[in-house]
């Protein structure tokens, strides 16, 4: 697998008094999974929600909790940590913590550490929705942002108090993704990426259509991963019920023909084309203007004709982008993917098994990624994480091909 995205990064994780403190344990592990070296600082209130021993076991280092700990302050422990850190991340950050940062308080270890450090600081708020909406909190957020402190989240949903609203700590995987985007130079900065996602519906009559089971989740996750990598993303989507990833330009289509036209309109302007959509291979030869009425004991025959092959057409362009195809198969996955890679002249293909509850309309998946000179297995993972791992591979192969072209 590729180099870990936070390799050699030194991160201090600050944990404050919030019920969401339990998520900090997962955050520490996720940061380590990306290669970061982690030290943990906890406020006294945080210790009421999760024990320092838990975080010590996960991080592999003693947890700092006291500003006036003689064993630490003999060497000015808070100064040592302030100089050691490449980044300081406070998650969860309580309303009280935000206020303390605004006023430059330094009477506990975490606030003193932040005041003494020149390292960049990110905070992930977590609190009751009314506390989050309070003008005092919002004013504090504005002040922190004006000081170039990064605010990550919060999310919305059911809270520990039972109320519904904004104020939840965002999930550790999403938090790490945001941190990677902040800490690591955007490798697709200045690049344009075109992505197709979801199914197509081919009308039989005004009521019925030929479609497939694609939910669009993988394509939308890939779009988000490309945006995280700094790309300018256009997402052409078939009929799905998914929110548009922040930062993406979305074009909605329904049929294979409409998707073909949307892709080909400006294809020469894109650097990378990722064809995630499950485009229908066939469509009815004729579409009835009115609903076909059911007649007793009568069968219905449909004549089908092939749709235009979007990926193959893009590959034949004189000025073509780097092309990534997808192969969703019910059997012989690798054989079909290898054949498709060669026949359609793709730069890369991502293949996966579908059917029997696998692949379509689920939140987890695995991919076998192939290119001309190699392959990489991406094991079962949430589609958000899988998309980020796939994007890492795409960037590597795109950079390799680009360097050969320019040599």
Protein backbone atom coordinates (compact mmCIF):
# COMPACT_ATOMS: atom_id res chain seq x y z
CA UNK A 1 0.00 0.00 0.00
CA UNK A 2 1.08 3.60 -0.46
CA UNK A 3 2.96 5.70 2.07
CA UNK A 4 0.83 6.60 5.08
CA UNK A 5 -0.61 10.07 4.64
CA UNK A 6 0.46 11.38 8.08
CA UNK A 7 3.83 9.66 8.12
CA UNK A 8 6.22 11.44 10.54
CA UNK A 9 3.55 13.93 11.67
CA UNK A 10 3.66 14.65 15.42
CA UNK A 11 0.15 15.33 16.72
CA UNK A 12 -0.97 16.36 20.20
CA UNK A 13 -4.60 15.34 20.76
CA UNK A 14 -6.33 17.44 23.41
CA UNK A 15 -9.44 15.95 25.03
CA UNK A 16 -11.89 18.11 26.98
CA UNK A 17 -14.99 17.58 29.11
CA UNK A 18 -17.67 16.25 26.75
CA UNK A 19 -19.57 12.99 26.48
CA UNK A 20 -18.01 12.74 23.01
CA UNK A 21 -14.64 12.18 24.71
CA UNK A 22 -15.15 8.45 24.14
CA UNK A 23 -14.65 9.05 20.41
CA UNK A 24 -11.16 10.39 21.09
CA UNK A 25 -9.96 6.82 21.65
CA UNK A 26 -10.93 5.93 18.09
CA UNK A 27 -9.43 9.19 16.81
CA UNK A 28 -6.04 8.36 18.34
CA UNK A 29 -6.07 4.97 16.67
CA UNK A 30 -7.14 6.40 13.29
CA UNK A 31 -4.34 8.99 13.41
CA UNK A 32 -1.84 6.23 14.16
CA UNK A 33 -3.23 4.18 11.27
CA UNK A 34 -2.28 7.08 9.00
CA UNK A 35 1.27 7.11 10.41
CA UNK A 36 1.01 9.94 12.95
CA UNK A 37 2.89 9.90 16.25
CA UNK A 38 0.36 10.88 18.92
CA UNK A 39 0.59 12.33 22.42
CA UNK A 40 -2.54 12.93 24.48
CA UNK A 41 -3.38 15.80 26.82
CA UNK A 42 -6.58 15.64 28.89
CA UNK A 43 -8.38 18.21 30.99
CA UNK A 44 -9.63 17.22 34.43
CA UNK A 45 -13.20 17.26 33.11
CA UNK A 46 -12.24 14.90 30.28
CA UNK A 47 -10.98 12.38 32.86
CA UNK A 48 -14.55 12.15 34.19
CA UNK A 49 -15.71 10.74 30.83
CA UNK A 50 -12.79 8.52 29.76
CA UNK A 51 -9.76 7.36 31.71
CA UNK A 52 -6.18 8.45 30.97
CA UNK A 53 -5.23 4.76 31.16
CA UNK A 54 -7.34 4.04 28.08
CA UNK A 55 -5.61 6.75 26.06
CA UNK A 56 -2.20 5.72 27.38
CA UNK A 57 -2.78 2.15 26.24
CA UNK A 58 -3.82 3.34 22.77
CA UNK A 59 -1.15 6.01 22.25
CA UNK A 60 1.68 4.08 23.88
CA UNK A 61 2.73 7.12 25.92
CA UNK A 62 1.77 8.57 29.32
CA UNK A 63 -1.17 10.96 29.17
CA UNK A 64 -0.50 14.51 30.38
CA UNK A 65 -3.22 15.90 32.64
CA UNK A 66 -1.69 18.37 35.13
CA UNK A 67 -0.05 21.72 34.46
CA UNK A 68 1.77 21.59 37.80
CA UNK A 69 2.96 17.98 37.65
CA UNK A 70 6.46 18.10 39.24
CA UNK A 71 7.72 15.19 37.12
CA UNK A 72 6.75 17.05 33.94
CA UNK A 73 7.27 20.69 34.83
CA UNK A 74 10.85 20.10 35.98
CA UNK A 75 11.56 20.12 32.25
CA UNK A 76 8.74 22.59 31.49
CA UNK A 77 6.51 19.82 30.15
CA UNK A 78 3.95 22.05 28.46
CA UNK A 79 6.74 23.89 26.63
CA UNK A 80 8.32 20.61 25.58
CA UNK A 81 5.03 19.38 24.13
CA UNK A 82 4.40 22.74 22.47
CA UNK A 83 7.73 22.51 20.65
CA UNK A 84 7.34 18.81 19.83
CA UNK A 85 3.96 19.08 18.10
CA UNK A 86 3.56 19.59 14.37
CA UNK A 87 -0.17 20.00 15.02
CA UNK A 88 -2.47 20.32 18.03
CA UNK A 89 -5.96 18.89 17.64
CA UNK A 90 -8.61 19.40 20.32
CA UNK A 91 -11.37 16.82 19.95
CA UNK A 92 -13.85 17.09 21.46
CA UNK A 93 -13.62 20.83 22.11
CA UNK A 94 -16.24 21.91 24.66
CA UNK A 95 -17.89 25.34 24.71
CA UNK A 96 -15.78 26.19 27.75
CA UNK A 97 -12.59 25.24 25.89
CA UNK A 98 -13.48 27.51 22.96
CA UNK A 99 -14.01 30.41 25.37
CA UNK A 100 -10.72 29.71 27.16
CA UNK A 101 -8.84 29.73 23.85
CA UNK A 102 -10.42 33.03 22.86
CA UNK A 103 -9.35 34.67 26.12
CA UNK A 104 -5.86 33.17 26.18
CA UNK A 105 -6.33 31.33 29.47
CA UNK A 106 -3.35 29.29 30.64
CA UNK A 107 -4.37 27.85 34.00
CA UNK A 108 -4.59 24.26 32.85
CA UNK A 109 -2.17 22.16 30.81
CA UNK A 110 -4.09 22.12 27.53
CA UNK A 111 -4.76 25.86 27.36
CA UNK A 112 -1.17 26.65 28.42
CA UNK A 113 0.11 24.30 25.74
CA UNK A 114 -1.96 26.03 23.07
CA UNK A 115 -0.81 29.46 24.23
CA UNK A 116 2.86 28.42 24.21
CA UNK A 117 2.82 26.68 20.82
CA UNK A 118 3.41 28.13 17.36
CA UNK A 119 2.07 24.94 15.76
CA UNK A 120 -1.22 25.05 13.84
CA UNK A 121 -4.31 24.32 15.91
CA UNK A 122 -7.53 22.55 14.90
CA UNK A 123 -10.59 22.23 17.13
CA UNK A 124 -13.56 19.93 16.69
CA UNK A 125 -16.48 21.34 18.72
CA UNK A 126 -18.89 19.08 20.61
CA UNK A 127 -21.74 20.39 22.75
CA UNK A 128 -25.50 20.67 23.13
CA UNK A 129 -27.12 22.22 20.06
CA UNK A 130 -28.40 25.23 22.03
CA UNK A 131 -24.93 25.87 23.42
CA UNK A 132 -23.53 25.70 19.88
CA UNK A 133 -26.15 28.12 18.56
CA UNK A 134 -25.67 30.60 21.41
CA UNK A 135 -24.31 33.95 20.12
CA UNK A 136 -21.46 33.78 22.62
CA UNK A 137 -20.24 30.49 21.17
CA UNK A 138 -20.67 31.68 17.59
CA UNK A 139 -18.73 34.85 18.40
CA UNK A 140 -15.95 32.73 19.89
CA UNK A 141 -15.85 30.61 16.72
CA UNK A 142 -15.53 33.73 14.58
CA UNK A 143 -12.67 35.02 16.71
CA UNK A 144 -10.83 31.69 16.57
CA UNK A 145 -11.22 31.53 12.80
CA UNK A 146 -9.87 35.07 12.51
CA UNK A 147 -6.74 33.77 14.28
CA UNK A 148 -6.34 31.00 11.65
CA UNK A 149 -7.51 28.28 14.02
CA UNK A 150 -9.20 25.52 12.03
CA UNK A 151 -12.76 24.60 13.03
CA UNK A 152 -13.77 21.06 12.05
CA UNK A 153 -17.47 20.32 12.34
CA UNK A 154 -19.62 20.03 14.27
CA UNK A 155 -22.02 17.46 12.82
CA UNK A 156 -25.74 17.25 13.41
CA UNK A 157 -28.10 14.55 14.63
CA UNK A 158 -29.39 12.99 17.83
CA UNK A 159 -27.30 14.14 20.80
CA UNK A 160 -26.56 12.44 24.12
CA UNK A 161 -29.14 14.69 25.78
CA UNK A 162 -31.79 13.32 23.41
CA UNK A 163 -32.18 16.56 21.47
CA UNK A 164 -31.75 16.85 17.71
CA UNK A 165 -29.50 19.48 16.20
CA UNK A 166 -26.01 20.68 15.38
CA UNK A 167 -23.23 20.13 17.89
CA UNK A 168 -22.12 16.50 17.56
CA UNK A 169 -18.43 15.70 17.27
CA UNK A 170 -17.88 14.53 13.72
CA UNK A 171 -16.95 10.87 13.32
CA UNK A 172 -13.24 10.01 13.76
CA UNK A 173 -12.78 8.81 10.17
CA UNK A 174 -14.21 12.07 8.81
CA UNK A 175 -12.18 14.08 11.30
CA UNK A 176 -8.95 12.37 10.22
CA UNK A 177 -9.84 13.00 6.57
CA UNK A 178 -10.25 16.71 7.34
CA UNK A 179 -6.93 16.73 9.20
CA UNK A 180 -5.16 15.00 6.32
CA UNK A 181 -6.51 17.66 4.00
CA UNK A 182 -5.09 20.34 6.31
CA UNK A 183 -1.75 18.69 7.05
CA UNK A 184 -0.82 17.20 3.68
CA UNK A 185 -0.28 19.29 0.52
CA UNK A 186 -3.18 18.82 -1.90
CA UNK A 187 -1.80 16.53 -4.58
CA UNK A 188 -4.53 17.31 -7.11
CA UNK A 189 -4.45 21.07 -6.66
CA UNK A 190 -5.15 22.68 -10.03
CA UNK A 191 -6.43 19.44 -11.58
CA UNK A 192 -9.94 18.88 -12.93
CA UNK A 193 -11.61 15.54 -12.23
CA UNK A 194 -14.81 14.29 -13.88
CA UNK A 195 -16.72 11.53 -12.08
CA UNK A 196 -19.86 9.64 -13.05
CA UNK A 197 -21.98 7.96 -10.39
CA UNK A 198 -25.22 6.08 -9.83
CA UNK A 199 -27.45 4.15 -12.24
CA UNK A 200 -29.13 5.17 -15.47
CA UNK A 201 -32.83 4.65 -16.14
CA UNK A 202 -33.83 3.76 -19.70
CA UNK A 203 -37.56 4.46 -20.23
CA UNK A 204 -39.93 1.82 -21.56
CA UNK A 205 -42.91 4.14 -21.27
CA UNK A 206 -43.67 7.18 -19.05
CA UNK A 207 -44.04 4.87 -16.01
CA UNK A 208 -41.58 2.00 -16.45
CA UNK A 209 -37.86 1.84 -17.07
CA UNK A 210 -34.88 -0.50 -17.25
CA UNK A 211 -32.49 0.28 -14.39
CA UNK A 212 -30.02 -1.29 -11.99
CA UNK A 213 -29.31 -1.46 -8.26
CA UNK A 214 -26.51 1.13 -8.07
CA UNK A 215 -26.97 3.53 -5.13
CA UNK A 216 -24.27 5.98 -6.23
CA UNK A 217 -22.58 5.80 -2.81
CA UNK A 218 -19.18 4.78 -4.16
CA UNK A 219 -19.11 7.46 -6.84
CA UNK A 220 -20.12 10.17 -4.38
CA UNK A 221 -17.45 8.96 -1.93
CA UNK A 222 -14.84 9.10 -4.72
CA UNK A 223 -15.95 12.66 -5.54
CA UNK A 224 -15.44 13.68 -1.90
CA UNK A 225 -12.01 12.02 -1.85
CA UNK A 226 -10.98 13.91 -4.99
CA UNK A 227 -12.10 17.19 -3.43
CA UNK A 228 -10.10 16.35 -0.29
CA UNK A 229 -7.08 15.87 -2.58
CA UNK A 230 -7.53 19.42 -3.89
CA UNK A 231 -9.18 18.71 -7.24
CA UNK A 232 -11.90 20.71 -8.94
CA UNK A 233 -14.62 18.08 -9.29
CA UNK A 234 -17.58 17.75 -11.63
CA UNK A 235 -19.97 14.95 -10.63
CA UNK A 236 -22.39 13.62 -13.25
CA UNK A 237 -25.02 11.63 -11.38
CA UNK A 238 -27.80 9.33 -12.40
CA UNK A 239 -31.03 9.29 -10.33
CA UNK A 240 -29.93 8.87 -6.69
CA UNK A 241 -30.97 10.39 -3.36
CA UNK A 242 -27.60 11.53 -2.02
CA UNK A 243 -26.41 14.98 -0.94
CA UNK A 244 -23.89 16.65 -3.22
CA UNK A 245 -20.37 16.57 -1.75
CA UNK A 246 -19.36 20.05 -0.65
CA UNK A 247 -17.31 21.66 -3.38
CA UNK A 248 -18.50 19.48 -6.26
CA UNK A 249 -20.35 20.77 -9.32
CA UNK A 250 -23.22 18.33 -9.84
CA UNK A 251 -24.93 17.54 -13.12
CA UNK A 252 -28.07 15.38 -12.86
CA UNK A 253 -28.98 13.03 -15.70
CA UNK A 254 -31.32 10.06 -16.09
CA UNK A 255 -30.46 8.05 -19.21
CA UNK A 256 -27.24 6.64 -20.64
CA UNK A 257 -27.60 9.00 -23.58
CA UNK A 258 -27.87 12.02 -21.31
CA UNK A 259 -24.82 10.86 -19.33
CA UNK A 260 -22.89 10.37 -22.59
CA UNK A 261 -23.70 13.91 -23.71
CA UNK A 262 -22.80 15.39 -20.31
CA UNK A 263 -19.44 13.60 -20.25
CA UNK A 264 -18.47 14.46 -23.82
CA UNK A 265 -19.46 18.14 -23.59
CA UNK A 266 -16.18 19.26 -22.07
CA UNK A 267 -14.10 16.09 -21.69
CA UNK A 268 -10.89 17.53 -23.16
CA UNK A 269 -10.74 20.01 -20.26
CA UNK A 270 -10.38 17.28 -17.61
CA UNK A 271 -7.19 15.71 -16.30
CA UNK A 272 -8.80 12.59 -14.79
CA UNK A 273 -12.03 10.77 -15.67
CA UNK A 274 -13.40 8.26 -13.13
CA UNK A 275 -16.33 6.26 -14.49
CA UNK A 276 -18.09 4.94 -11.37
CA UNK A 277 -21.61 4.99 -12.83
CA UNK A 278 -23.41 1.73 -13.56
CA UNK A 279 -24.46 2.78 -17.07
CA UNK A 280 -27.07 0.63 -18.82
CA UNK A 281 -25.57 -1.40 -21.67
CA UNK A 282 -28.94 -1.64 -23.44
CA UNK A 283 -32.06 0.45 -23.80
CA UNK A 284 -35.49 -0.18 -25.39
CA UNK A 285 -35.45 0.29 -29.14
CA UNK A 286 -38.74 2.16 -28.90
CA UNK A 287 -40.16 4.19 -26.00
CA UNK A 288 -43.93 4.30 -25.81
CA UNK A 289 -45.50 7.77 -25.46
CA UNK A 290 -48.22 6.42 -23.14
CA UNK A 291 -48.32 3.80 -20.44
CA UNK A 292 -48.44 0.27 -21.82
CA UNK A 293 -51.67 -1.34 -20.62
CA UNK A 294 -51.62 -4.84 -19.26
CA UNK A 295 -53.73 -7.25 -21.33
CA UNK A 296 -54.91 -10.48 -19.74
CA UNK A 297 -52.77 -13.50 -20.70
CA UNK A 298 -50.63 -11.36 -23.02
CA UNK A 299 -46.84 -11.37 -22.83
CA UNK A 300 -44.77 -8.30 -23.61
CA UNK A 301 -41.63 -8.36 -25.71
CA UNK A 302 -39.04 -5.59 -25.68
CA UNK A 303 -36.48 -5.10 -28.40
CA UNK A 304 -33.26 -3.69 -26.94
CA UNK A 305 -30.36 -1.91 -28.57
CA UNK A 306 -26.92 -1.04 -27.27
CA UNK A 307 -26.26 2.30 -25.61
CA UNK A 308 -23.22 4.39 -26.51
CA UNK A 309 -20.11 3.25 -24.62
CA UNK A 310 -19.00 6.30 -22.65
CA UNK A 311 -15.61 5.05 -21.41
CA UNK A 312 -14.52 3.66 -24.78
CA UNK A 313 -15.48 6.89 -26.52
CA UNK A 314 -13.46 8.96 -24.03
CA UNK A 315 -10.48 6.62 -24.51
CA UNK A 316 -10.56 7.22 -28.28
CA UNK A 317 -10.24 11.00 -27.94
CA UNK A 318 -7.08 12.57 -29.34
CA UNK A 319 -6.64 14.55 -26.13
CA UNK A 320 -7.79 12.17 -23.42
CA UNK A 321 -7.71 12.34 -19.63
CA UNK A 322 -6.33 9.66 -17.32
CA UNK A 323 -9.19 7.12 -17.33
CA UNK A 324 -10.33 4.97 -14.42
CA UNK A 325 -13.09 2.46 -15.11
CA UNK A 326 -15.15 0.27 -12.81
CA UNK A 327 -16.16 -3.34 -13.25
CA UNK A 328 -19.02 -4.70 -11.13
CA UNK A 329 -19.22 -8.46 -11.72
CA UNK A 330 -21.09 -11.43 -10.27
CA UNK A 331 -18.39 -13.96 -11.26
CA UNK A 332 -14.80 -14.19 -12.59
CA UNK A 333 -14.21 -10.65 -11.36
CA UNK A 334 -10.49 -10.42 -12.09
CA UNK A 335 -10.72 -12.04 -15.53
CA UNK A 336 -13.47 -9.70 -16.69
CA UNK A 337 -11.71 -6.67 -15.21
CA UNK A 338 -8.42 -7.48 -16.93
CA UNK A 339 -10.19 -7.96 -20.25
CA UNK A 340 -12.09 -4.68 -19.85
CA UNK A 341 -8.91 -2.81 -18.93
CA UNK A 342 -7.28 -3.87 -22.20
CA UNK A 343 -10.29 -3.75 -24.51
CA UNK A 344 -11.39 -0.27 -23.46
CA UNK A 345 -7.80 1.09 -23.28
CA UNK A 346 -8.17 2.23 -19.67
CA UNK A 347 -5.34 3.47 -17.47
CA UNK A 348 -6.80 1.78 -14.40
CA UNK A 349 -9.82 -0.28 -13.42
CA UNK A 350 -11.43 -0.93 -10.02
CA UNK A 351 -13.30 -4.24 -9.86
CA UNK A 352 -15.66 -5.62 -7.26
CA UNK A 353 -18.08 -8.45 -6.69
CA UNK A 354 -21.79 -7.56 -6.67
CA UNK A 355 -24.98 -9.45 -5.89
CA UNK A 356 -26.36 -11.26 -2.84
CA UNK A 357 -26.06 -8.14 -0.68
CA UNK A 358 -22.53 -7.29 -1.83
CA UNK A 359 -21.43 -4.13 -3.67
CA UNK A 360 -24.69 -2.32 -4.41
CA UNK A 361 -26.66 -0.29 -1.83
CA UNK A 362 -24.30 -1.12 1.07
CA UNK A 363 -21.91 1.09 3.04
CA UNK A 364 -18.87 -1.22 2.87
CA UNK A 365 -17.03 -2.64 -0.13
CA UNK A 366 -13.68 -3.97 -1.32
CA UNK A 367 -11.91 -3.36 -4.62
CA UNK A 368 -9.31 -5.09 -6.74
CA UNK A 369 -7.53 -2.31 -8.61
CA UNK A 370 -5.62 -3.16 -11.78
CA UNK A 371 -3.41 -1.23 -14.19
CA UNK A 372 -1.12 -2.28 -17.03
CA UNK A 373 1.90 -3.10 -14.89
CA UNK A 374 0.39 -4.04 -11.54
CA UNK A 375 -2.51 -4.41 -9.15
CA UNK A 376 -3.52 -3.65 -5.57
CA UNK A 377 -6.17 -5.19 -3.36
CA UNK A 378 -8.15 -2.71 -1.26
CA UNK A 379 -9.79 -4.77 1.52
CA UNK A 380 -13.32 -4.45 2.87
CA UNK A 381 -13.81 -0.99 4.37
CA UNK A 382 -16.43 1.77 4.61
CA UNK A 383 -16.91 3.28 1.16
CA UNK A 384 -15.64 6.66 2.40
CA UNK A 385 -12.32 5.13 3.44
CA UNK A 386 -12.20 2.89 0.38
CA UNK A 387 -12.63 5.93 -1.85
CA UNK A 388 -9.71 7.68 -0.15
CA UNK A 389 -7.49 4.62 -0.58
CA UNK A 390 -8.52 4.37 -4.24
CA UNK A 391 -7.80 8.07 -4.76
CA UNK A 392 -4.30 7.57 -3.33
CA UNK A 393 -3.67 4.86 -5.95
CA UNK A 394 -5.14 6.98 -8.74
CA UNK A 395 -2.86 9.90 -7.83
CA UNK A 396 0.19 7.61 -7.78
CA UNK A 397 -0.57 6.14 -11.21
CA UNK A 398 -1.56 9.53 -12.66
CA UNK A 399 1.71 11.06 -11.42
CA UNK A 400 3.69 8.11 -12.82
CA UNK A 401 2.08 8.40 -16.25
CA UNK A 402 2.41 12.18 -16.26
CA UNK A 403 6.12 12.01 -15.42
CA UNK A 404 6.71 9.54 -18.30
CA UNK A 405 4.76 11.75 -20.71
CA UNK A 406 6.79 14.82 -19.74
CA UNK A 407 10.19 13.10 -19.67
